[in-house]
Amino acid sequence: MAHVSTLEPSVGDIVKITSTRPISKRKRWRVVELIRKTVNLG
């Protein structure tokens, strides 16, 4: 599980994450960059 602060990724998006100090019991990763959005063809 990764912490997302300002970015708004959706399921299927490609993101860059980095390890960080524990934010909560399970969150040890933080989303740094949104690399590619998913194309919705529907």
PDB file of N, CA and C in Angstrom:
ATOM      1  N   MET A   1       0.854  -1.167   0.000  1.00  0.00           N
ATOM      2  CA  MET A   1       0.000   0.000   0.000  1.00  0.00           C
ATOM      3  C   MET A   1       0.906   1.238   0.000  1.00  0.00           C
ATOM      4  N   ALA A   2       0.595   2.193  -0.842  1.00  0.00           N
ATOM      5  CA  ALA A   2       1.397   3.406  -0.954  1.00  0.00           C
ATOM      6  C   ALA A   2       0.554   4.627  -0.614  1.00  0.00           C
ATOM      7  N   HIS A   3       1.191   5.635  -0.032  1.00  0.00           N
ATOM      8  CA  HIS A   3       0.521   6.879   0.333  1.00  0.00           C
ATOM      9  C   HIS A   3       0.469   7.798  -0.882  1.00  0.00           C
ATOM     10  N   VAL A   4      -0.690   8.391  -1.130  1.00  0.00           N
ATOM     11  CA  VAL A   4      -0.879   9.328  -2.239  1.00  0.00           C
ATOM     12  C   VAL A   4      -1.329  10.648  -1.633  1.00  0.00           C
ATOM     13  N   SER A   5      -0.546  11.718  -1.842  1.00  0.00           N
ATOM     14  CA  SER A   5      -0.915  12.997  -1.239  1.00  0.00           C
ATOM     15  C   SER A   5      -1.567  13.943  -2.244  1.00  0.00           C
ATOM     16  N   THR A   6      -0.883  14.299  -3.313  1.00  0.00           N
ATOM     17  CA  THR A   6      -1.429  15.299  -4.234  1.00  0.00           C
ATOM     18  C   THR A   6      -1.801  14.722  -5.596  1.00  0.00           C
ATOM     19  N   LEU A   7      -1.232  13.596  -5.972  1.00  0.00           N
ATOM     20  CA  LEU A   7      -1.531  12.988  -7.270  1.00  0.00           C
ATOM     21  C   LEU A   7      -2.854  12.251  -7.197  1.00  0.00           C
ATOM     22  N   GLU A   8      -3.504  12.071  -8.334  1.00  0.00           N
ATOM     23  CA  GLU A   8      -4.788  11.366  -8.399  1.00  0.00           C
ATOM     24  C   GLU A   8      -4.686  10.181  -9.355  1.00  0.00           C
ATOM     25  N   PRO A   9      -3.890   9.152  -9.016  1.00  0.00           N
ATOM     26  CA  PRO A   9      -3.802   8.000  -9.910  1.00  0.00           C
ATOM     27  C   PRO A   9      -5.068   7.148  -9.860  1.00  0.00           C
ATOM     28  N   SER A  10      -5.367   6.501 -10.980  1.00  0.00           N
ATOM     29  CA  SER A  10      -6.498   5.577 -11.081  1.00  0.00           C
ATOM     30  C   SER A  10      -5.954   4.161 -11.188  1.00  0.00           C
ATOM     31  N   VAL A  11      -6.833   3.189 -11.063  1.00  0.00           N
ATOM     32  CA  VAL A  11      -6.436   1.792 -11.223  1.00  0.00           C
ATOM     33  C   VAL A  11      -5.903   1.600 -12.634  1.00  0.00           C
ATOM     34  N   GLY A  12      -4.723   1.023 -12.766  1.00  0.00           N
ATOM     35  CA  GLY A  12      -4.112   0.775 -14.062  1.00  0.00           C
ATOM     36  C   GLY A  12      -3.072   1.807 -14.461  1.00  0.00           C
ATOM     37  N   ASP A  13      -3.025   2.955 -13.784  1.00  0.00           N
ATOM     38  CA  ASP A  13      -2.023   3.970 -14.082  1.00  0.00           C
ATOM     39  C   ASP A  13      -0.639   3.468 -13.677  1.00  0.00           C
ATOM     40  N   ILE A  14       0.377   3.944 -14.360  1.00  0.00           N
ATOM     41  CA  ILE A  14       1.759   3.613 -14.031  1.00  0.00           C
ATOM     42  C   ILE A  14       2.309   4.759 -13.188  1.00  0.00           C
ATOM     43  N   VAL A  15       2.795   4.438 -11.976  1.00  0.00           N
ATOM     44  CA  VAL A  15       3.318   5.456 -11.073  1.00  0.00           C
ATOM     45  C   VAL A  15       4.703   5.063 -10.585  1.00  0.00           C
ATOM     46  N   LYS A  16       5.453   6.054 -10.138  1.00  0.00           N
ATOM     47  CA  LYS A  16       6.762   5.823  -9.530  1.00  0.00           C
ATOM     48  C   LYS A  16       6.588   5.958  -8.027  1.00  0.00           C
ATOM     49  N   ILE A  17       7.103   4.970  -7.262  1.00  0.00           N
ATOM     50  CA  ILE A  17       6.996   5.025  -5.808  1.00  0.00           C
ATOM     51  C   ILE A  17       8.385   4.970  -5.188  1.00  0.00           C
ATOM     52  N   THR A  18       8.501   5.436  -3.960  1.00  0.00           N
ATOM     53  CA  THR A  18       9.754   5.393  -3.221  1.00  0.00           C
ATOM     54  C   THR A  18       9.466   4.953  -1.796  1.00  0.00           C
ATOM     55  N   SER A  19      10.433   4.307  -1.184  1.00  0.00           N
ATOM     56  CA  SER A  19      10.253   3.902   0.208  1.00  0.00           C
ATOM     57  C   SER A  19      10.433   5.124   1.102  1.00  0.00           C
ATOM     58  N   THR A  20       9.741   5.122   2.230  1.00  0.00           N
ATOM     59  CA  THR A  20       9.767   6.253   3.143  1.00  0.00           C
ATOM     60  C   THR A  20       9.628   5.747   4.572  1.00  0.00           C
ATOM     61  N   ARG A  21       9.729   6.627   5.522  1.00  0.00           N
ATOM     62  CA  ARG A  21       9.514   6.235   6.917  1.00  0.00           C
ATOM     63  C   ARG A  21       8.076   5.756   7.054  1.00  0.00           C
ATOM     64  N   PRO A  22       7.779   4.929   8.036  1.00  0.00           N
ATOM     65  CA  PRO A  22       6.396   4.461   8.195  1.00  0.00           C
ATOM     66  C   PRO A  22       5.412   5.618   8.376  1.00  0.00           C
ATOM     67  N   ILE A  23       4.403   5.666   7.524  1.00  0.00           N
ATOM     68  CA  ILE A  23       3.368   6.694   7.590  1.00  0.00           C
ATOM     69  C   ILE A  23       2.214   6.197   8.446  1.00  0.00           C
ATOM     70  N   SER A  24       1.926   4.913   8.350  1.00  0.00           N
ATOM     71  CA  SER A  24       0.902   4.271   9.180  1.00  0.00           C
ATOM     72  C   SER A  24       1.342   2.825   9.392  1.00  0.00           C
ATOM     73  N   LYS A  25       0.452   2.016   9.919  1.00  0.00           N
ATOM     74  CA  LYS A  25       0.799   0.623  10.201  1.00  0.00           C
ATOM     75  C   LYS A  25       1.238  -0.129   8.947  1.00  0.00           C
ATOM     76  N   ARG A  26       0.599   0.123   7.811  1.00  0.00           N
ATOM     77  CA  ARG A  26       0.897  -0.609   6.577  1.00  0.00           C
ATOM     78  C   ARG A  26       1.558   0.226   5.487  1.00  0.00           C
ATOM     79  N   LYS A  27       1.560   1.538   5.591  1.00  0.00           N
ATOM     80  CA  LYS A  27       2.091   2.388   4.519  1.00  0.00           C
ATOM     81  C   LYS A  27       3.567   2.687   4.751  1.00  0.00           C
ATOM     82  N   ARG A  28       4.410   2.156   3.858  1.00  0.00           N
ATOM     83  CA  ARG A  28       5.850   2.382   3.900  1.00  0.00           C
ATOM     84  C   ARG A  28       6.370   2.921   2.567  1.00  0.00           C
ATOM     85  N   TRP A  29       5.455   3.214   1.650  1.00  0.00           N
ATOM     86  CA  TRP A  29       5.785   3.687   0.308  1.00  0.00           C
ATOM     87  C   TRP A  29       5.006   4.959   0.015  1.00  0.00           C
ATOM     88  N   ARG A  30       5.557   5.801  -0.851  1.00  0.00           N
ATOM     89  CA  ARG A  30       4.905   7.052  -1.227  1.00  0.00           C
ATOM     90  C   ARG A  30       4.951   7.187  -2.742  1.00  0.00           C
ATOM     91  N   VAL A  31       3.834   7.592  -3.345  1.00  0.00           N
ATOM     92  CA  VAL A  31       3.779   7.828  -4.790  1.00  0.00           C
ATOM     93  C   VAL A  31       4.475   9.155  -5.069  1.00  0.00           C
ATOM     94  N   VAL A  32       5.466   9.112  -5.957  1.00  0.00           N
ATOM     95  CA  VAL A  32       6.265  10.299  -6.259  1.00  0.00           C
ATOM     96  C   VAL A  32       5.853  10.944  -7.573  1.00  0.00           C
ATOM     97  N   GLU A  33       5.515  10.121  -8.568  1.00  0.00           N
ATOM     98  CA  GLU A  33       5.282  10.651  -9.911  1.00  0.00           C
ATOM     99  C   GLU A  33       4.257   9.785 -10.638  1.00  0.00           C
ATOM    100  N   LEU A  34       3.404  10.418 -11.389  1.00  0.00           N
ATOM    101  CA  LEU A  34       2.465   9.722 -12.268  1.00  0.00           C
ATOM    102  C   LEU A  34       3.122   9.648 -13.639  1.00  0.00           C
ATOM    103  N   ILE A  35       3.500   8.443 -14.064  1.00  0.00           N
ATOM    104  CA  ILE A  35       4.247   8.274 -15.306  1.00  0.00           C
ATOM    105  C   ILE A  35       3.320   8.206 -16.510  1.00  0.00           C
ATOM    106  N   ARG A  36       2.270   7.375 -16.430  1.00  0.00           N
ATOM    107  CA  ARG A  36       1.364   7.235 -17.574  1.00  0.00           C
ATOM    108  C   ARG A  36      -0.044   6.935 -17.090  1.00  0.00           C
ATOM    109  N   LYS A  37      -1.019   7.677 -17.631  1.00  0.00           N
ATOM    110  CA  LYS A  37      -2.429   7.447 -17.318  1.00  0.00           C
ATOM    111  C   LYS A  37      -2.960   6.305 -18.174  1.00  0.00           C
ATOM    112  N   THR A  38      -3.944   5.600 -17.650  1.00  0.00           N
ATOM    113  CA  THR A  38      -4.614   4.536 -18.386  1.00  0.00           C
ATOM    114  C   THR A  38      -5.563   5.159 -19.401  1.00  0.00           C
ATOM    115  N   VAL A  39      -5.574   4.615 -20.602  1.00  0.00           N
ATOM    116  CA  VAL A  39      -6.486   5.084 -21.639  1.00  0.00           C
ATOM    117  C   VAL A  39      -7.800   4.335 -21.475  1.00  0.00           C
ATOM    118  N   ASN A  40      -8.891   5.073 -21.315  1.00  0.00           N
ATOM    119  CA  ASN A  40     -10.212   4.476 -21.158  1.00  0.00           C
ATOM    120  C   ASN A  40     -10.903   4.475 -22.522  1.00  0.00           C
ATOM    121  N   LEU A  41     -11.102   3.296 -23.089  1.00  0.00           N
ATOM    122  CA  LEU A  41     -11.703   3.190 -24.418  1.00  0.00           C
ATOM    123  C   LEU A  41     -13.210   2.979 -24.371  1.00  0.00           C
ATOM    124  N   GLY A  42     -13.791   2.999 -23.182  1.00  0.00           N
ATOM    125  CA  GLY A  42     -15.225   2.727 -23.040  1.00  0.00           C
ATOM    126  C   GLY A  42     -15.996   3.952 -23.094  1.00  0.00           C
TER     127      GLY A  42
END
